[in-house]
Amino acid sequence: MSLTTTVRTFLQWEWERANSDDGIFNDFLPYSSLHEWIPEDSVYSDVFRGFELGRLAGVKALNAVNFHTPGVTYFMSNHSRLDHSLVVGMVMEHILRRNKFSEGDVNTGIAAGLLHDIATPAWGDAVMAIDIKNLHEEAAWREFLTPAGEDVLRKHGVTPGNLDDAIRNQGLLGTILDISDRITYVCKDLFSIYTGMYVQTHEGRDYLMQFDSSHISQFTSHPIGDIYKDVFVEDGHACFASPARLERFLRARVFLHQNYYLHPSSQARDLIMGSLANHFYSLHEGTLTPNALRHMDDYYLRNEISRLYPPAKAVPGCFEFWNASYKKIDSEEAEEAVRRELESDPNTIIIGTRKIRDVNPALNYNVKHNGRIMPFSDAYPEQAADIQRTASSIAGTYMFYSKADGTEISDLLTHMKHDGLLPE
């Protein structure tokens, strides 16, 4: 079955299921059999209303990041943090029920999945990067705990302390939340790429088709999304029953980091958006404080920054067909040399420099091997070493730049450079 037919069949299935009246939301984990209505008068509906989760529908899961591989143009993702959070809650519930957790723990897990991103600021990671200490979402969820929210938690047997531990990835529930979060974003983001790209060349099509057939196909006997069914608990440890599917999942995850989240082109876009927000950011006063950003959606923040700085009105649409140029630098001396070279061309705009971190490839996930529970890296060292090499391949310091060519993004960068909004 071709990739095009796969996507068309899956979207038709989702449309048919969504045109029923069996609950308040219909959502799904791509590349899996998990596709359900979220019922009314449940912990889902009560948390949604009691904590006013609707804002997250206007906060994109991924803002301006761009999938990058030869011969492919990717149209930026539109799925939201609300969509992500609903499915994390669904995955949590299924893992916990399959492992016979108590109803109180199941409800705590669902609530943690729904609420773990509630304090995400508008523009997501791009804005969080300007002040990780004060803008990180896990530390601020209690700001949204109103008396109505306390009533919801009490109704479903959830204590704020246990919920806080899970959201902070503490204890067994926290470990399972972290697993559920990763399963959800990997499958949602892969699905978003495959339904939002325009393949321009045979090279790009061959590359993506080869990856699809090897790792994520919806219609294989062991689809990658069904990895949530493999999670079991033994001796207080979360483990994966299928090392082969776990390997495919881990490879898919580092593929996304390499070509999507941490690709220099995506990081350049995040740097631009973060620089715009940072210019007007203040801890305690003004329009863009941490508290204000946690109560805005992406559209409100865009309009507010455009009001304060009119050249920014083109963001983020101006990124659609634009990719920054970049050079990898390995020392301060090399950085100065690259900067001098770029500054010698009056038509080049230096956007800034960013250190791209190593990816944690999650090779410490437990599997059962020869009757013993051990990390994947210990059970399968060769495969783990290969995954680690891919995970480390993108790390480094990069200088981003672009040409002054009269496009919207060029005009924005020219204004930002002139007005001192770009980092030195």
Protein backbone atom coordinates (compact mmCIF):
# COMPACT_ATOMS: atom_id res chain seq x y z
CA MET A 1 0.00 0.00 0.00
CA SER A 2 1.46 3.39 -1.00
CA LEU A 3 2.09 6.24 1.46
CA THR A 4 -0.56 8.35 -0.31
CA THR A 5 -3.16 5.60 0.05
CA THR A 6 -2.14 5.09 3.68
CA VAL A 7 -2.71 8.75 4.53
CA ARG A 8 -5.98 8.99 2.55
CA THR A 9 -7.40 5.85 4.18
CA PHE A 10 -6.46 7.00 7.66
CA LEU A 11 -7.93 10.48 7.19
CA GLN A 12 -11.18 9.01 5.80
CA TRP A 13 -11.42 6.72 8.84
CA GLU A 14 -10.86 9.66 11.18
CA TRP A 15 -13.53 11.77 9.41
CA GLU A 16 -16.10 8.97 9.61
CA ARG A 17 -15.41 8.44 13.31
CA ALA A 18 -15.54 12.16 14.04
CA ASN A 19 -19.01 12.49 12.49
CA SER A 20 -20.62 10.59 15.34
CA ASP A 21 -22.05 11.89 18.58
CA ASP A 22 -20.49 9.70 21.24
CA GLY A 23 -18.54 12.22 23.35
CA ILE A 24 -17.04 15.69 23.60
CA PHE A 25 -13.79 15.02 21.66
CA ASN A 26 -12.64 12.43 19.18
CA ASP A 27 -8.91 11.95 19.07
CA PHE A 28 -6.35 9.35 18.06
CA LEU A 29 -2.76 8.24 18.35
CA PRO A 30 -1.45 7.93 14.78
CA TYR A 31 0.05 4.63 13.66
CA SER A 32 -1.89 2.76 16.35
CA SER A 33 -5.30 1.27 17.10
CA LEU A 34 -5.99 3.96 19.74
CA HIS A 35 -8.80 6.11 18.33
CA GLU A 36 -11.59 7.02 20.74
CA TRP A 37 -14.29 9.39 21.82
CA ILE A 38 -13.60 11.17 25.08
CA PRO A 39 -16.83 10.83 27.06
CA GLU A 40 -18.86 13.54 28.73
CA ASP A 41 -18.94 13.56 32.55
CA SER A 42 -15.51 11.96 32.83
CA VAL A 43 -12.19 13.02 34.31
CA TYR A 44 -11.34 14.31 30.81
CA SER A 45 -14.35 16.61 30.45
CA ASP A 46 -14.18 17.74 34.06
CA VAL A 47 -10.47 18.64 33.88
CA PHE A 48 -10.97 20.35 30.51
CA ARG A 49 -13.63 22.63 31.97
CA GLY A 50 -12.31 22.97 35.52
CA PHE A 51 -8.85 24.06 34.34
CA GLU A 52 -9.95 25.93 31.19
CA LEU A 53 -7.74 23.90 28.89
CA GLY A 54 -9.26 25.51 25.80
CA ARG A 55 -6.39 28.02 25.52
CA LEU A 56 -4.10 25.18 24.44
CA ALA A 57 -6.14 24.77 21.26
CA GLY A 58 -4.50 28.04 20.17
CA VAL A 59 -0.95 27.04 21.15
CA LYS A 60 0.74 24.95 18.50
CA ALA A 61 2.56 21.83 19.56
CA LEU A 62 5.32 22.96 17.21
CA ASN A 63 5.37 26.56 16.15
CA ALA A 64 7.74 27.44 13.36
CA VAL A 65 9.98 24.37 13.21
CA ASN A 66 10.48 22.94 9.77
CA PHE A 67 11.02 19.35 8.66
CA HIS A 68 14.24 19.29 6.69
CA THR A 69 15.39 16.65 4.26
CA PRO A 70 16.48 16.91 0.59
CA GLY A 71 13.71 17.33 -1.94
CA VAL A 72 10.89 18.02 0.51
CA THR A 73 8.97 21.16 1.42
CA TYR A 74 7.03 20.79 4.65
CA PHE A 75 4.09 23.03 5.43
CA MET A 76 4.25 24.00 9.08
CA SER A 77 2.38 21.91 11.61
CA ASN A 78 -1.02 23.04 12.87
CA HIS A 79 -1.77 20.49 15.59
CA SER A 80 -2.11 21.99 19.03
CA ARG A 81 -0.96 21.44 22.59
CA LEU A 82 -4.58 20.57 23.43
CA ASP A 83 -4.61 17.77 20.86
CA HIS A 84 -1.30 16.54 22.23
CA SER A 85 -2.45 16.70 25.86
CA LEU A 86 -5.70 14.83 25.22
CA VAL A 87 -3.85 11.96 23.60
CA VAL A 88 -1.19 11.85 26.33
CA GLY A 89 -4.07 11.40 28.78
CA MET A 90 -5.55 8.62 26.64
CA VAL A 91 -2.21 6.81 26.35
CA MET A 92 -1.65 7.15 30.11
CA GLU A 93 -5.07 5.70 30.84
CA HIS A 94 -4.54 2.67 28.62
CA ILE A 95 -1.09 1.90 30.02
CA LEU A 96 -2.28 2.21 33.62
CA ARG A 97 -5.44 0.15 33.11
CA ARG A 98 -3.54 -2.59 31.29
CA ASN A 99 -1.24 -2.77 34.31
CA LYS A 100 -4.15 -2.83 36.79
CA PHE A 101 -3.39 0.44 38.61
CA SER A 102 -5.98 1.67 41.09
CA GLU A 103 -8.76 4.00 39.89
CA GLY A 104 -7.18 6.85 41.84
CA ASP A 105 -3.83 6.32 40.09
CA VAL A 106 -5.55 6.05 36.70
CA ASN A 107 -7.37 9.34 37.27
CA THR A 108 -4.13 10.96 38.48
CA GLY A 109 -2.40 9.75 35.34
CA ILE A 110 -5.14 11.06 33.05
CA ALA A 111 -5.14 14.42 34.82
CA ALA A 112 -1.34 14.62 34.59
CA GLY A 113 -1.49 13.91 30.86
CA LEU A 114 -4.10 16.61 30.35
CA LEU A 115 -2.35 19.20 32.52
CA HIS A 116 1.37 18.63 31.90
CA ASP A 117 1.46 21.36 29.22
CA ILE A 118 -1.17 23.72 30.67
CA ALA A 119 1.45 26.36 31.60
CA THR A 120 3.14 26.33 28.18
CA PRO A 121 3.54 29.97 27.10
CA ALA A 122 2.33 31.23 23.75
CA TRP A 123 4.82 30.36 20.98
CA GLY A 124 5.93 27.37 23.04
CA ASP A 125 9.59 26.37 23.03
CA ALA A 126 10.70 29.50 21.17
CA VAL A 127 9.52 31.67 24.07
CA MET A 128 10.51 29.23 26.83
CA ALA A 129 14.11 29.40 25.59
CA ILE A 130 14.39 33.07 26.57
CA ASP A 131 13.91 32.31 30.28
CA ILE A 132 13.82 28.59 31.05
CA LYS A 133 13.74 29.13 34.82
CA ASN A 134 10.58 31.24 34.83
CA LEU A 135 8.80 29.95 31.72
CA HIS A 136 9.15 26.18 32.01
CA GLU A 137 5.68 24.67 31.97
CA GLU A 138 6.07 21.88 34.54
CA ALA A 139 6.91 24.26 37.38
CA ALA A 140 3.91 26.56 36.86
CA TRP A 141 0.86 24.32 36.45
CA ARG A 142 -0.34 25.21 39.99
CA GLU A 143 -1.06 28.76 38.78
CA PHE A 144 -4.08 27.21 37.06
CA LEU A 145 -5.34 25.39 40.17
CA THR A 146 -8.49 27.35 41.03
CA PRO A 147 -11.20 26.31 43.51
CA ALA A 148 -13.09 24.82 40.54
CA GLY A 149 -10.00 22.78 39.65
CA GLU A 150 -9.61 21.62 43.24
CA ASP A 151 -13.23 20.41 43.17
CA VAL A 152 -12.53 18.44 40.00
CA LEU A 153 -9.47 16.75 41.48
CA ARG A 154 -11.33 15.93 44.67
CA LYS A 155 -14.25 14.45 42.72
CA HIS A 156 -11.92 12.02 40.95
CA GLY A 157 -9.72 11.11 43.91
CA VAL A 158 -6.66 13.06 42.72
CA THR A 159 -4.47 14.91 45.23
CA PRO A 160 -2.50 17.98 44.08
CA GLY A 161 0.68 16.51 45.57
CA ASN A 162 0.45 13.25 43.63
CA LEU A 163 -0.49 15.17 40.50
CA ASP A 164 2.50 17.48 40.93
CA ASP A 165 4.86 14.51 41.31
CA ALA A 166 3.55 12.95 38.09
CA ILE A 167 3.76 16.20 36.11
CA ARG A 168 7.36 16.63 37.29
CA ASN A 169 8.09 13.05 36.13
CA GLN A 170 8.66 11.84 39.68
CA GLY A 171 7.90 8.26 40.72
CA LEU A 172 6.37 5.49 38.63
CA LEU A 173 3.44 7.59 37.41
CA GLY A 174 5.89 10.31 36.38
CA THR A 175 7.97 7.79 34.43
CA ILE A 176 4.87 6.52 32.63
CA LEU A 177 3.79 10.11 31.89
CA ASP A 178 7.19 10.78 30.31
CA ILE A 179 6.82 7.63 28.19
CA SER A 180 3.26 8.57 27.18
CA ASP A 181 4.36 12.10 26.29
CA ARG A 182 7.16 10.82 24.05
CA ILE A 183 4.97 8.20 22.36
CA THR A 184 2.36 10.88 21.62
CA TYR A 185 4.62 13.57 20.22
CA VAL A 186 6.61 11.13 18.08
CA CYS A 187 3.48 9.66 16.48
CA LYS A 188 1.62 12.98 16.19
CA ASP A 189 4.61 14.77 14.68
CA LEU A 190 5.41 11.99 12.22
CA PHE A 191 1.78 12.00 11.12
CA SER A 192 1.86 15.79 10.81
CA ILE A 193 4.95 15.60 8.59
CA TYR A 194 3.55 12.92 6.33
CA THR A 195 0.25 14.76 5.84
CA GLY A 196 1.75 18.23 5.53
CA MET A 197 4.61 17.88 3.09
CA TYR A 198 5.10 18.43 -0.59
CA VAL A 199 7.67 16.06 -2.06
CA GLN A 200 9.57 17.85 -4.78
CA THR A 201 12.08 15.27 -5.99
CA HIS A 202 12.45 11.52 -6.42
CA GLU A 203 15.32 11.69 -3.92
CA GLY A 204 13.00 13.14 -1.27
CA ARG A 205 10.23 10.64 -2.01
CA ASP A 206 12.60 7.67 -1.91
CA TYR A 207 14.11 8.83 1.38
CA LEU A 208 10.74 9.24 3.09
CA MET A 209 9.24 6.06 1.67
CA GLN A 210 12.25 4.05 2.85
CA PHE A 211 11.92 5.50 6.34
CA ASP A 212 8.17 4.91 6.39
CA SER A 213 8.44 1.26 5.37
CA SER A 214 11.16 0.64 7.92
CA HIS A 215 9.78 2.41 10.96
CA ILE A 216 6.26 3.84 11.07
CA SER A 217 3.85 2.14 8.67
CA GLN A 218 0.28 2.18 9.93
CA PHE A 219 -0.53 -1.14 8.33
CA THR A 220 2.28 -3.42 9.45
CA SER A 221 1.56 -6.13 11.98
CA HIS A 222 3.42 -4.13 14.65
CA PRO A 223 2.64 -0.41 14.01
CA ILE A 224 4.89 1.93 15.93
CA GLY A 225 2.08 3.72 17.77
CA ASP A 226 0.94 0.51 19.41
CA ILE A 227 4.13 0.58 21.46
CA TYR A 228 1.94 1.85 24.32
CA LYS A 229 0.56 -1.70 24.53
CA ASP A 230 4.09 -2.99 25.17
CA VAL A 231 4.57 -1.03 28.41
CA PHE A 232 4.37 -3.24 31.48
CA VAL A 233 5.38 -2.76 35.10
CA GLU A 234 7.53 -5.28 36.95
CA ASP A 235 9.27 -4.82 40.30
CA GLY A 236 8.36 -1.13 40.24
CA HIS A 237 9.98 -0.51 36.84
CA ALA A 238 8.30 0.46 33.57
CA CYS A 239 9.49 -1.88 30.81
CA PHE A 240 8.86 -2.54 27.12
CA ALA A 241 7.78 -6.02 26.05
CA SER A 242 8.93 -5.68 22.42
CA PRO A 243 12.59 -4.61 22.06
CA ALA A 244 12.19 -4.63 18.26
CA ARG A 245 9.35 -2.10 18.33
CA LEU A 246 11.17 -0.05 20.96
CA GLU A 247 14.20 0.13 18.66
CA ARG A 248 12.05 1.38 15.78
CA PHE A 249 10.47 3.94 18.10
CA LEU A 250 13.82 5.19 19.38
CA ARG A 251 15.13 5.51 15.81
CA ALA A 252 12.01 7.44 14.78
CA ARG A 253 12.43 9.77 17.74
CA VAL A 254 16.07 10.66 16.99
CA PHE A 255 15.10 11.04 13.32
CA LEU A 256 12.64 13.76 14.37
CA HIS A 257 15.23 15.52 16.51
CA GLN A 258 17.82 15.36 13.76
CA ASN A 259 15.59 16.51 10.89
CA TYR A 260 12.91 18.51 12.66
CA TYR A 261 13.08 19.80 16.24
CA LEU A 262 16.81 20.51 16.49
CA HIS A 263 17.69 20.98 12.84
CA PRO A 264 19.57 24.30 12.47
CA SER A 265 16.87 25.66 10.15
CA SER A 266 14.22 25.09 12.84
CA GLN A 267 16.45 26.51 15.55
CA ALA A 268 17.01 29.67 13.50
CA ARG A 269 13.24 30.22 13.30
CA ASP A 270 12.90 29.66 17.05
CA LEU A 271 15.72 32.15 17.64
CA ILE A 272 13.96 34.82 15.57
CA MET A 273 10.61 34.34 17.34
CA GLY A 274 12.29 34.21 20.73
CA SER A 275 14.22 37.41 19.97
CA LEU A 276 11.00 39.23 19.08
CA ALA A 277 9.33 38.15 22.33
CA ASN A 278 12.45 38.76 24.42
CA HIS A 279 12.61 42.41 23.35
CA PHE A 280 9.32 43.06 25.16
CA TYR A 281 9.69 40.47 27.93
CA SER A 282 9.84 41.41 31.60
CA LEU A 283 9.54 39.36 34.76
CA HIS A 284 7.17 41.67 36.61
CA GLU A 285 5.76 44.46 34.44
CA GLY A 286 4.67 45.22 30.92
CA THR A 287 2.69 43.20 28.38
CA LEU A 288 4.84 40.07 28.17
CA THR A 289 5.42 38.76 31.69
CA PRO A 290 5.65 35.02 32.45
CA ASN A 291 2.11 35.03 33.83
CA ALA A 292 0.74 36.90 30.81
CA LEU A 293 2.48 34.59 28.32
CA ARG A 294 1.03 31.54 30.10
CA HIS A 295 -2.48 32.90 29.56
CA MET A 296 -2.10 33.93 25.90
CA ASP A 297 -2.42 31.80 22.80
CA ASP A 298 -0.16 32.03 19.76
CA TYR A 299 -2.52 34.32 17.87
CA TYR A 300 -2.87 36.81 20.71
CA LEU A 301 0.91 36.96 21.15
CA ARG A 302 1.44 37.47 17.42
CA ASN A 303 -1.05 40.33 17.40
CA GLU A 304 0.45 41.88 20.53
CA ILE A 305 4.01 41.77 19.21
CA SER A 306 2.82 43.11 15.84
CA ARG A 307 1.18 46.00 17.68
CA LEU A 308 4.38 46.72 19.59
CA TYR A 309 6.65 46.06 16.59
CA PRO A 310 4.82 46.30 13.23
CA PRO A 311 7.54 44.58 11.11
CA ALA A 312 6.68 41.35 13.00
CA LYS A 313 3.21 41.14 11.42
CA ALA A 314 4.59 38.64 8.86
CA VAL A 315 5.45 36.06 11.57
CA PRO A 316 5.13 33.09 11.37
CA GLY A 317 3.79 32.93 7.79
CA CYS A 318 7.01 34.39 6.40
CA PHE A 319 8.81 31.19 7.45
CA GLU A 320 6.73 28.92 5.18
CA PHE A 321 9.22 28.58 2.30
CA TRP A 322 12.29 30.01 4.00
CA ASN A 323 15.24 28.24 5.54
CA ALA A 324 18.16 29.99 7.18
CA SER A 325 21.67 29.38 6.00
CA TYR A 326 24.07 28.27 8.71
CA LYS A 327 27.65 27.36 9.48
CA LYS A 328 28.79 25.00 12.21
CA ILE A 329 31.57 26.44 14.34
CA ASP A 330 33.84 24.58 16.73
CA SER A 331 35.76 27.31 18.57
CA GLU A 332 35.63 31.00 19.50
CA GLU A 333 38.31 31.70 16.92
CA ALA A 334 36.27 29.97 14.23
CA GLU A 335 33.20 31.95 15.26
CA GLU A 336 35.04 35.24 14.87
CA ALA A 337 36.39 34.18 11.47
CA VAL A 338 32.93 33.16 10.23
CA ARG A 339 31.44 36.41 11.55
CA ARG A 340 34.06 38.52 9.75
CA GLU A 341 33.46 36.59 6.54
CA LEU A 342 29.69 37.07 6.69
CA GLU A 343 29.92 40.74 7.72
CA SER A 344 32.07 41.44 4.68
CA ASP A 345 29.00 40.90 2.48
CA PRO A 346 26.58 43.85 2.88
CA ASN A 347 23.70 41.66 1.65
CA THR A 348 24.11 39.10 4.44
CA ILE A 349 22.19 39.39 7.70
CA ILE A 350 23.62 37.49 10.67
CA ILE A 351 20.69 36.19 12.71
CA GLY A 352 22.64 34.89 15.67
CA THR A 353 24.45 31.94 17.19
CA ARG A 354 22.95 29.03 19.10
CA LYS A 355 24.36 25.93 20.74
CA ILE A 356 22.24 22.91 19.81
CA ARG A 357 22.27 20.36 22.57
CA ASP A 358 22.77 16.62 22.51
CA VAL A 359 19.57 14.60 22.28
CA ASN A 360 18.76 12.22 25.10
CA PRO A 361 18.04 9.09 23.00
CA ALA A 362 16.19 7.32 25.87
CA LEU A 363 18.42 4.26 25.61
CA ASN A 364 17.86 3.66 29.33
CA TYR A 365 14.31 2.41 28.69
CA ASN A 366 13.97 -1.05 30.21
CA VAL A 367 13.42 -4.26 28.28
CA LYS A 368 13.30 -7.88 29.37
CA HIS A 369 16.31 -9.72 27.96
CA ASN A 370 17.17 -13.34 28.80
CA GLY A 371 14.73 -13.19 31.70
CA ARG A 372 16.25 -10.06 33.23
CA ILE A 373 15.08 -6.45 33.21
CA MET A 374 17.81 -4.16 31.92
CA PRO A 375 18.23 -0.95 29.90
CA PHE A 376 17.92 -1.29 26.13
CA SER A 377 21.52 -0.08 25.80
CA ASP A 378 22.77 -3.03 27.89
CA ALA A 379 20.64 -5.60 26.12
CA TYR A 380 21.37 -4.38 22.57
CA PRO A 381 24.64 -2.40 22.68
CA GLU A 382 25.27 -2.30 18.91
CA GLN A 383 21.82 -0.95 18.06
CA ALA A 384 22.05 1.50 20.96
CA ALA A 385 25.44 2.77 19.78
CA ASP A 386 24.03 3.40 16.30
CA ILE A 387 21.06 5.32 17.72
CA GLN A 388 23.42 7.31 19.93
CA ARG A 389 25.55 8.30 16.93
CA THR A 390 22.47 9.67 15.17
CA ALA A 391 21.35 11.47 18.31
CA SER A 392 24.73 13.16 18.68
CA SER A 393 25.20 14.08 15.03
CA ILE A 394 23.36 17.41 15.14
CA ALA A 395 24.87 18.76 18.37
CA GLY A 396 27.16 21.77 18.10
CA THR A 397 27.26 25.55 17.81
CA TYR A 398 25.79 27.14 14.70
CA MET A 399 25.75 30.63 13.25
CA PHE A 400 22.59 31.43 11.30
CA TYR A 401 22.36 33.97 8.51
CA SER A 402 20.23 35.00 5.55
CA LYS A 403 20.41 37.13 2.43
CA ALA A 404 18.77 40.55 2.14
CA ASP A 405 16.65 39.77 -0.91
CA GLY A 406 13.45 41.78 -0.50
CA THR A 407 11.29 38.94 0.83
CA GLU A 408 9.09 39.30 3.92
CA ILE A 409 11.54 37.45 6.11
CA SER A 410 14.42 39.51 4.73
CA ASP A 411 12.58 42.75 5.51
CA LEU A 412 11.82 41.54 9.03
CA LEU A 413 15.44 40.57 9.69
CA THR A 414 16.68 43.88 8.27
CA HIS A 415 14.42 45.78 10.68
CA MET A 416 15.40 43.57 13.61
CA LYS A 417 19.09 44.06 12.89
CA HIS A 418 18.68 47.84 12.59
CA ASP A 419 16.64 48.05 15.80
CA GLY A 420 18.92 45.81 17.85
CA LEU A 421 16.50 42.91 18.27
CA LEU A 422 18.86 40.24 16.95
CA PRO A 423 21.34 38.78 19.45
CA GLU A 424 24.93 39.94 19.16
